[in-house]
Protein backbone atom coordinates (compact mmCIF):
# COMPACT_ATOMS: atom_id res chain seq x y z
CA UNK A 1 0.00 0.00 0.00
CA UNK A 2 1.37 3.39 -1.00
CA UNK A 3 1.01 6.39 1.27
CA UNK A 4 0.26 9.03 -1.36
CA UNK A 5 0.37 11.90 1.13
CA UNK A 6 4.16 11.54 1.19
CA UNK A 7 4.30 12.47 -2.49
CA UNK A 8 2.29 15.72 -2.20
CA UNK A 9 4.78 18.53 -2.62
CA UNK A 10 2.55 21.58 -3.15
CA UNK A 11 -0.96 22.86 -2.38
CA UNK A 12 -2.04 25.62 -4.78
CA UNK A 13 -5.27 27.51 -5.56
CA UNK A 14 -6.93 26.94 -8.92
CA UNK A 15 -5.75 30.36 -10.06
CA UNK A 16 -2.17 28.99 -9.97
CA UNK A 17 -2.81 25.80 -11.95
CA UNK A 18 -0.22 26.78 -14.56
CA UNK A 19 2.37 27.10 -11.80
CA UNK A 20 1.48 23.56 -10.68
CA UNK A 21 2.14 22.20 -14.17
CA UNK A 22 5.42 24.13 -14.38
CA UNK A 23 6.54 22.69 -11.02
CA UNK A 24 5.77 19.14 -12.12
CA UNK A 25 7.37 19.52 -15.56
CA UNK A 26 10.54 20.98 -14.06
CA UNK A 27 10.80 18.16 -11.51
CA UNK A 28 10.34 20.48 -8.52
CA UNK A 29 6.91 19.05 -7.75
CA UNK A 30 5.87 15.42 -7.63
CA UNK A 31 2.18 15.85 -6.90
CA UNK A 32 0.40 19.19 -6.65
CA UNK A 33 -2.99 19.51 -5.00
CA UNK A 34 -5.26 22.11 -6.61
CA UNK A 35 -7.78 23.80 -4.33
CA UNK A 36 -10.89 24.48 -6.42
CA UNK A 37 -12.33 27.11 -4.07
PDB file of N, CA and C in Angstrom:
ATOM      1  N   UNK A   1       0.846  -1.182   0.000  1.00  0.00           N
ATOM      2  CA  UNK A   1       0.000   0.000   0.000  1.00  0.00           C
ATOM      3  C   UNK A   1       0.891   1.245   0.000  1.00  0.00           C
ATOM      4  N   UNK A   2       0.613   2.143  -0.913  1.00  0.00           N
ATOM      5  CA  UNK A   2       1.373   3.390  -1.003  1.00  0.00           C
ATOM      6  C   UNK A   2       0.711   4.474  -0.169  1.00  0.00           C
ATOM      7  N   UNK A   3       1.515   5.230   0.535  1.00  0.00           N
ATOM      8  CA  UNK A   3       1.012   6.387   1.267  1.00  0.00           C
ATOM      9  C   UNK A   3       1.198   7.607   0.366  1.00  0.00           C
ATOM     10  N   UNK A   4       0.157   7.971  -0.357  1.00  0.00           N
ATOM     11  CA  UNK A   4       0.264   9.028  -1.364  1.00  0.00           C
ATOM     12  C   UNK A   4       0.518  10.403  -0.766  1.00  0.00           C
ATOM     13  N   UNK A   5       0.148  10.601   0.499  1.00  0.00           N
ATOM     14  CA  UNK A   5       0.373  11.901   1.127  1.00  0.00           C
ATOM     15  C   UNK A   5       1.853  12.271   1.147  1.00  0.00           C
ATOM     16  N   UNK A   6       2.724  11.272   1.175  1.00  0.00           N
ATOM     17  CA  UNK A   6       4.163  11.541   1.191  1.00  0.00           C
ATOM     18  C   UNK A   6       4.650  12.153  -0.117  1.00  0.00           C
ATOM     19  N   UNK A   7       3.889  11.980  -1.183  1.00  0.00           N
ATOM     20  CA  UNK A   7       4.305  12.470  -2.494  1.00  0.00           C
ATOM     21  C   UNK A   7       3.723  13.841  -2.827  1.00  0.00           C
ATOM     22  N   UNK A   8       2.868  14.391  -1.964  1.00  0.00           N
ATOM     23  CA  UNK A   8       2.292  15.717  -2.196  1.00  0.00           C
ATOM     24  C   UNK A   8       3.349  16.759  -1.851  1.00  0.00           C
ATOM     25  N   UNK A   9       3.717  17.541  -2.833  1.00  0.00           N
ATOM     26  CA  UNK A   9       4.778  18.530  -2.624  1.00  0.00           C
ATOM     27  C   UNK A   9       4.249  19.958  -2.550  1.00  0.00           C
ATOM     28  N   UNK A  10       3.081  20.218  -3.127  1.00  0.00           N
ATOM     29  CA  UNK A  10       2.546  21.579  -3.147  1.00  0.00           C
ATOM     30  C   UNK A  10       1.023  21.557  -3.039  1.00  0.00           C
ATOM     31  N   UNK A  11       0.477  22.600  -2.413  1.00  0.00           N
ATOM     32  CA  UNK A  11      -0.962  22.863  -2.382  1.00  0.00           C
ATOM     33  C   UNK A  11      -1.141  24.257  -2.985  1.00  0.00           C
ATOM     34  N   UNK A  12      -1.882  24.342  -4.085  1.00  0.00           N
ATOM     35  CA  UNK A  12      -2.039  25.618  -4.780  1.00  0.00           C
ATOM     36  C   UNK A  12      -3.510  25.888  -5.080  1.00  0.00           C
ATOM     37  N   UNK A  13      -3.903  27.183  -5.135  1.00  0.00           N
ATOM     38  CA  UNK A  13      -5.267  27.510  -5.555  1.00  0.00           C
ATOM     39  C   UNK A  13      -5.416  27.295  -7.061  1.00  0.00           C
ATOM     40  N   UNK A  14      -6.657  27.170  -7.504  1.00  0.00           N
ATOM     41  CA  UNK A  14      -6.932  26.937  -8.924  1.00  0.00           C
ATOM     42  C   UNK A  14      -6.339  28.036  -9.802  1.00  0.00           C
ATOM     43  N   UNK A  15      -6.286  29.244  -9.267  1.00  0.00           N
ATOM     44  CA  UNK A  15      -5.746  30.362 -10.056  1.00  0.00           C
ATOM     45  C   UNK A  15      -4.265  30.175 -10.397  1.00  0.00           C
ATOM     46  N   UNK A  16      -3.583  29.250  -9.715  1.00  0.00           N
ATOM     47  CA  UNK A  16      -2.167  28.991  -9.972  1.00  0.00           C
ATOM     48  C   UNK A  16      -1.940  27.617 -10.602  1.00  0.00           C
ATOM     49  N   UNK A  17      -2.922  27.137 -11.356  1.00  0.00           N
ATOM     50  CA  UNK A  17      -2.813  25.802 -11.950  1.00  0.00           C
ATOM     51  C   UNK A  17      -1.636  25.713 -12.931  1.00  0.00           C
ATOM     52  N   UNK A  18      -1.357  26.795 -13.635  1.00  0.00           N
ATOM     53  CA  UNK A  18      -0.217  26.777 -14.564  1.00  0.00           C
ATOM     54  C   UNK A  18       1.105  26.644 -13.810  1.00  0.00           C
ATOM     55  N   UNK A  19       1.181  27.247 -12.641  1.00  0.00           N
ATOM     56  CA  UNK A  19       2.368  27.095 -11.800  1.00  0.00           C
ATOM     57  C   UNK A  19       2.538  25.644 -11.386  1.00  0.00           C
ATOM     58  N   UNK A  20       1.430  24.977 -11.067  1.00  0.00           N
ATOM     59  CA  UNK A  20       1.482  23.562 -10.677  1.00  0.00           C
ATOM     60  C   UNK A  20       2.056  22.709 -11.808  1.00  0.00           C
ATOM     61  N   UNK A  21       1.608  22.955 -13.028  1.00  0.00           N
ATOM     62  CA  UNK A  21       2.144  22.204 -14.170  1.00  0.00           C
ATOM     63  C   UNK A  21       3.627  22.503 -14.374  1.00  0.00           C
ATOM     64  N   UNK A  22       4.012  23.767 -14.234  1.00  0.00           N
ATOM     65  CA  UNK A  22       5.424  24.134 -14.378  1.00  0.00           C
ATOM     66  C   UNK A  22       6.289  23.427 -13.332  1.00  0.00           C
ATOM     67  N   UNK A  23       5.797  23.364 -12.085  1.00  0.00           N
ATOM     68  CA  UNK A  23       6.542  22.687 -11.021  1.00  0.00           C
ATOM     69  C   UNK A  23       6.730  21.212 -11.338  1.00  0.00           C
ATOM     70  N   UNK A  24       5.678  20.571 -11.825  1.00  0.00           N
ATOM     71  CA  UNK A  24       5.767  19.143 -12.121  1.00  0.00           C
ATOM     72  C   UNK A  24       6.662  18.879 -13.330  1.00  0.00           C
ATOM     73  N   UNK A  25       6.550  19.710 -14.362  1.00  0.00           N
ATOM     74  CA  UNK A  25       7.367  19.515 -15.560  1.00  0.00           C
ATOM     75  C   UNK A  25       8.854  19.759 -15.291  1.00  0.00           C
ATOM     76  N   UNK A  26       9.141  20.672 -14.367  1.00  0.00           N
ATOM     77  CA  UNK A  26      10.538  20.977 -14.055  1.00  0.00           C
ATOM     78  C   UNK A  26      11.145  19.978 -13.069  1.00  0.00           C
ATOM     79  N   UNK A  27      10.304  19.127 -12.485  1.00  0.00           N
ATOM     80  CA  UNK A  27      10.802  18.162 -11.513  1.00  0.00           C
ATOM     81  C   UNK A  27      10.806  18.668 -10.086  1.00  0.00           C
ATOM     82  N   UNK A  28      10.378  19.914  -9.868  1.00  0.00           N
ATOM     83  CA  UNK A  28      10.342  20.480  -8.520  1.00  0.00           C
ATOM     84  C   UNK A  28       9.135  19.996  -7.727  1.00  0.00           C
ATOM     85  N   UNK A  29       8.114  19.542  -8.421  1.00  0.00           N
ATOM     86  CA  UNK A  29       6.910  19.052  -7.755  1.00  0.00           C
ATOM     87  C   UNK A  29       6.593  17.646  -8.208  1.00  0.00           C
ATOM     88  N   UNK A  30       6.252  16.785  -7.268  1.00  0.00           N
ATOM     89  CA  UNK A  30       5.869  15.421  -7.625  1.00  0.00           C
ATOM     90  C   UNK A  30       4.359  15.349  -7.813  1.00  0.00           C
ATOM     91  N   UNK A  31       3.646  15.858  -6.827  1.00  0.00           N
ATOM     92  CA  UNK A  31       2.184  15.853  -6.899  1.00  0.00           C
ATOM     93  C   UNK A  31       1.701  17.169  -6.319  1.00  0.00           C
ATOM     94  N   UNK A  32       0.952  17.919  -7.094  1.00  0.00           N
ATOM     95  CA  UNK A  32       0.404  19.195  -6.655  1.00  0.00           C
ATOM     96  C   UNK A  32      -1.100  19.041  -6.439  1.00  0.00           C
ATOM     97  N   UNK A  33      -1.567  19.530  -5.312  1.00  0.00           N
ATOM     98  CA  UNK A  33      -2.991  19.510  -5.004  1.00  0.00           C
ATOM     99  C   UNK A  33      -3.557  20.872  -5.372  1.00  0.00           C
ATOM    100  N   UNK A  34      -4.612  20.878  -6.184  1.00  0.00           N
ATOM    101  CA  UNK A  34      -5.262  22.113  -6.611  1.00  0.00           C
ATOM    102  C   UNK A  34      -6.527  22.307  -5.787  1.00  0.00           C
ATOM    103  N   UNK A  35      -6.600  23.457  -5.103  1.00  0.00           N
ATOM    104  CA  UNK A  35      -7.785  23.804  -4.328  1.00  0.00           C
ATOM    105  C   UNK A  35      -8.757  24.514  -5.265  1.00  0.00           C
ATOM    106  N   UNK A  36      -9.934  23.941  -5.453  1.00  0.00           N
ATOM    107  CA  UNK A  36     -10.894  24.477  -6.419  1.00  0.00           C
ATOM    108  C   UNK A  36     -11.698  25.661  -5.881  1.00  0.00           C
ATOM    109  N   UNK A  37     -11.536  26.007  -4.628  1.00  0.00           N
ATOM    110  CA  UNK A  37     -12.327  27.113  -4.065  1.00  0.00           C
ATOM    111  C   UNK A  37     -11.636  28.428  -4.195  1.00  0.00           C
TER     112      UNK A  37
END
